[in-house]
Amino acid sequence: GAKFSINLDLMKCTLFNFILAATFFWFLPFVFRLVFINDLNVYEINHTELTTNLFEKLSDIYEKGDKYELFFEIFFNNLKSCVFNIVGGIMFGLGTLINLLMNGFVTADMLHNSYQKGLPVTLIIKHTLPHSIELLGVWLSGAIGFYIARQLWNFIRHGKINMFLFFKIVGANFFATVIIILVAAFLEVYVSLP
């Protein structure tokens, strides 16, 4: 009883630290991109075929007026990014780290490109802020990835792991991530977009 309680308290503290780390690694390229907005001309470099296709697909769905399809497309795209964060833990967190860095950079670049296309900052904030809770899902999924990496490392070093506690923490936080991403997609489609 007491040992389980201590382990659970330690896991909560560790997970909170991993949330802070995931947030930091997301913000690092985000701020870097915003600070060097005029010095970097990454628009052409950043828009890979995948990114271009995704934006075109979302734009086409939006222009058709099919909010239901748009909701599911946004939800599954964001969920895919969160799953990459979580699965990245199997690679000792390297995949998680790379995905968080890329996500932060691309988010800042999209905001910058919206501004460059003539959208005023107030309009960008108005259409981004309501669904920005999706970032909590991204950061939480990053924390799960780092947590998995830490538990994998502990297993290699000590040869044991509390599987019940591991799956309880990963499962509960994955469920929270899915709910956050689901609510964010709903807000993006039905509140943020005109």
Protein backbone atom coordinates (compact mmCIF):
# COMPACT_ATOMS: atom_id res chain seq x y z
CA GLY A 1 0.00 0.00 0.00
CA ALA A 2 2.53 2.63 1.13
CA LYS A 3 5.12 1.65 -1.49
CA PHE A 4 2.48 1.88 -4.26
CA SER A 5 1.46 5.34 -3.01
CA ILE A 6 5.07 6.54 -3.01
CA ASN A 7 5.61 5.15 -6.52
CA LEU A 8 2.42 6.83 -7.77
CA ASP A 9 3.45 10.19 -6.25
CA LEU A 10 6.90 9.83 -7.81
CA MET A 11 5.34 8.99 -11.19
CA LYS A 12 3.07 12.04 -11.03
CA CYS A 13 6.04 14.27 -10.24
CA THR A 14 8.07 12.71 -13.04
CA LEU A 15 5.21 13.07 -15.52
CA PHE A 16 4.83 16.74 -14.59
CA ASN A 17 8.55 17.24 -15.26
CA PHE A 18 8.14 15.51 -18.61
CA ILE A 19 5.23 17.84 -19.45
CA LEU A 20 7.51 20.78 -18.71
CA ALA A 21 10.24 19.25 -20.87
CA ALA A 22 7.83 18.60 -23.76
CA THR A 23 6.53 22.16 -23.54
CA PHE A 24 10.09 23.52 -23.51
CA PHE A 25 11.13 21.46 -26.54
CA TRP A 26 8.02 22.61 -28.41
CA PHE A 27 8.53 26.28 -27.52
CA LEU A 28 12.25 26.32 -28.35
CA PRO A 29 11.84 26.16 -32.15
CA PHE A 30 8.56 28.10 -31.94
CA VAL A 31 10.29 31.09 -30.36
CA PHE A 32 13.38 30.61 -32.54
CA ARG A 33 11.19 30.81 -35.64
CA LEU A 34 9.34 33.90 -34.41
CA VAL A 35 12.52 35.72 -33.34
CA PHE A 36 14.19 35.11 -36.68
CA ILE A 37 11.05 35.69 -38.74
CA ASN A 38 12.71 38.16 -41.11
CA ASP A 39 16.03 36.31 -41.25
CA LEU A 40 14.66 32.91 -42.24
CA ASN A 41 13.05 32.34 -45.57
CA VAL A 42 11.80 28.85 -44.81
CA TYR A 43 8.42 29.07 -46.48
CA GLU A 44 9.65 27.22 -49.54
CA ILE A 45 11.75 24.80 -47.50
CA ASN A 46 9.12 24.13 -44.85
CA HIS A 47 6.23 23.30 -47.13
CA THR A 48 6.94 19.72 -48.00
CA GLU A 49 4.66 17.77 -50.28
CA LEU A 50 2.93 16.27 -47.23
CA THR A 51 2.26 19.67 -45.63
CA THR A 52 1.06 21.16 -48.89
CA ASN A 53 -1.27 18.21 -49.52
CA LEU A 54 -2.68 18.41 -46.00
CA PHE A 55 -3.45 22.13 -46.26
CA GLU A 56 -4.95 21.70 -49.70
CA LYS A 57 -7.08 18.82 -48.46
CA LEU A 58 -8.32 20.79 -45.43
CA SER A 59 -8.99 23.84 -47.61
CA ASP A 60 -10.98 21.76 -50.09
CA ILE A 61 -13.08 20.24 -47.31
CA TYR A 62 -13.64 23.68 -45.77
CA GLU A 63 -14.71 25.17 -49.11
CA LYS A 64 -17.20 22.29 -49.59
CA GLY A 65 -18.71 23.31 -46.27
CA ASP A 66 -18.51 19.78 -44.84
CA LYS A 67 -17.71 20.62 -41.22
CA TYR A 68 -18.24 17.01 -40.11
CA GLU A 69 -15.54 15.73 -42.48
CA LEU A 70 -13.29 18.67 -41.59
CA PHE A 71 -13.67 17.87 -37.89
CA PHE A 72 -12.57 14.26 -38.38
CA GLU A 73 -9.71 15.22 -40.70
CA ILE A 74 -8.32 17.73 -38.17
CA PHE A 75 -8.89 15.36 -35.25
CA PHE A 76 -7.11 12.42 -36.87
CA ASN A 77 -4.25 14.59 -38.14
CA ASN A 78 -3.63 16.00 -34.65
CA LEU A 79 -4.09 12.58 -33.07
CA LYS A 80 -1.50 11.16 -35.46
CA SER A 81 1.01 13.77 -34.28
CA CYS A 82 0.27 12.86 -30.65
CA VAL A 83 0.67 9.15 -31.37
CA PHE A 84 4.07 9.90 -32.98
CA ASN A 85 5.03 11.67 -29.74
CA ILE A 86 4.01 8.66 -27.66
CA VAL A 87 5.54 5.99 -29.91
CA GLY A 88 8.72 8.08 -30.05
CA GLY A 89 9.31 7.00 -26.47
CA ILE A 90 10.22 3.54 -27.72
CA MET A 91 13.24 5.14 -29.41
CA PHE A 92 14.34 6.47 -26.00
CA GLY A 93 12.47 9.71 -26.61
CA LEU A 94 14.36 10.70 -29.76
CA GLY A 95 11.26 10.41 -31.95
CA THR A 96 9.28 12.38 -29.38
CA LEU A 97 11.90 15.10 -29.26
CA ILE A 98 12.11 15.43 -33.05
CA ASN A 99 8.32 15.54 -33.43
CA LEU A 100 7.96 18.22 -30.72
CA LEU A 101 10.70 20.35 -32.30
CA MET A 102 9.16 20.05 -35.76
CA ASN A 103 5.65 20.73 -34.48
CA GLY A 104 6.72 23.92 -32.67
CA PHE A 105 8.64 25.19 -35.68
CA VAL A 106 5.86 24.44 -38.17
CA THR A 107 3.24 26.06 -35.91
CA ALA A 108 5.26 29.29 -35.72
CA ASP A 109 5.90 29.16 -39.45
CA MET A 110 2.17 28.78 -40.21
CA LEU A 111 1.38 31.76 -37.98
CA HIS A 112 4.08 33.79 -39.69
CA ASN A 113 2.88 32.81 -43.16
CA SER A 114 -0.70 33.77 -42.23
CA TYR A 115 0.59 37.16 -41.17
CA GLN A 116 2.64 37.50 -44.36
CA LYS A 117 -0.48 36.76 -46.44
CA GLY A 118 -2.11 39.84 -44.93
CA LEU A 119 -4.06 38.47 -41.98
CA PRO A 120 -3.90 40.90 -39.06
CA VAL A 121 -2.54 39.56 -35.76
CA THR A 122 -5.92 40.09 -34.08
CA LEU A 123 -7.64 37.89 -36.67
CA ILE A 124 -4.94 35.20 -36.38
CA ILE A 125 -5.37 35.17 -32.60
CA LYS A 126 -9.17 35.15 -32.90
CA HIS A 127 -9.10 32.08 -35.14
CA THR A 128 -6.28 30.28 -33.30
CA LEU A 129 -6.85 30.91 -29.61
CA PRO A 130 -10.13 28.98 -29.11
CA HIS A 131 -8.65 25.67 -30.25
CA SER A 132 -5.11 26.24 -28.95
CA ILE A 133 -5.87 23.76 -26.16
CA GLU A 134 -4.70 21.17 -28.68
CA LEU A 135 -1.21 22.21 -27.59
CA LEU A 136 -1.94 20.71 -24.17
CA GLY A 137 -2.61 17.41 -25.95
CA VAL A 138 0.63 17.72 -27.92
CA TRP A 139 2.64 18.47 -24.78
CA LEU A 140 0.92 15.73 -22.75
CA SER A 141 1.58 13.19 -25.50
CA GLY A 142 5.21 14.35 -25.57
CA ALA A 143 5.38 13.79 -21.82
CA ILE A 144 4.01 10.27 -22.30
CA GLY A 145 6.73 9.61 -24.88
CA PHE A 146 9.43 10.83 -22.47
CA TYR A 147 7.86 8.79 -19.67
CA ILE A 148 7.98 5.64 -21.83
CA ALA A 149 11.62 6.35 -22.67
CA ARG A 150 12.43 6.76 -18.97
CA GLN A 151 10.64 3.53 -18.04
CA LEU A 152 12.39 1.68 -20.87
CA TRP A 153 15.73 2.96 -19.62
CA ASN A 154 14.85 1.94 -16.04
CA PHE A 155 13.87 -1.52 -17.28
CA ILE A 156 17.20 -1.92 -19.09
CA ARG A 157 19.14 -0.78 -16.01
CA HIS A 158 17.18 -2.59 -13.30
CA GLY A 159 15.39 -5.39 -15.17
CA LYS A 160 12.00 -4.65 -13.66
CA ILE A 161 9.06 -2.33 -14.06
CA ASN A 162 5.67 -2.05 -12.39
CA MET A 163 3.61 -2.91 -15.47
CA PHE A 164 0.26 -2.15 -13.84
CA LEU A 165 1.39 1.33 -12.84
CA PHE A 166 3.06 1.88 -16.21
CA PHE A 167 -0.05 1.03 -18.21
CA LYS A 168 -2.28 2.92 -15.79
CA ILE A 169 -0.27 6.13 -16.23
CA VAL A 170 0.19 5.76 -20.00
CA GLY A 171 -3.44 4.73 -20.55
CA ALA A 172 -4.98 7.49 -18.43
CA ASN A 173 -2.82 10.18 -20.00
CA PHE A 174 -3.40 8.86 -23.52
CA PHE A 175 -7.14 8.99 -22.84
CA ALA A 176 -6.76 12.60 -21.61
CA THR A 177 -4.76 13.43 -24.75
CA VAL A 178 -7.49 12.02 -27.02
CA ILE A 179 -10.19 14.00 -25.17
CA ILE A 180 -8.14 17.22 -25.41
CA ILE A 181 -7.49 16.70 -29.15
CA LEU A 182 -11.17 15.84 -29.72
CA VAL A 183 -12.37 19.02 -27.97
CA ALA A 184 -9.74 21.10 -29.78
CA ALA A 185 -10.84 19.77 -33.19
CA PHE A 186 -14.45 20.56 -32.32
CA LEU A 187 -13.52 24.10 -31.27
CA GLU A 188 -11.39 24.59 -34.38
CA VAL A 189 -14.18 23.60 -36.76
CA TYR A 190 -17.24 24.92 -34.97
CA VAL A 191 -15.85 27.98 -33.11
CA SER A 192 -12.57 29.18 -34.67
CA LEU A 193 -13.53 28.94 -38.32
CA PRO A 194 -16.06 31.42 -39.70
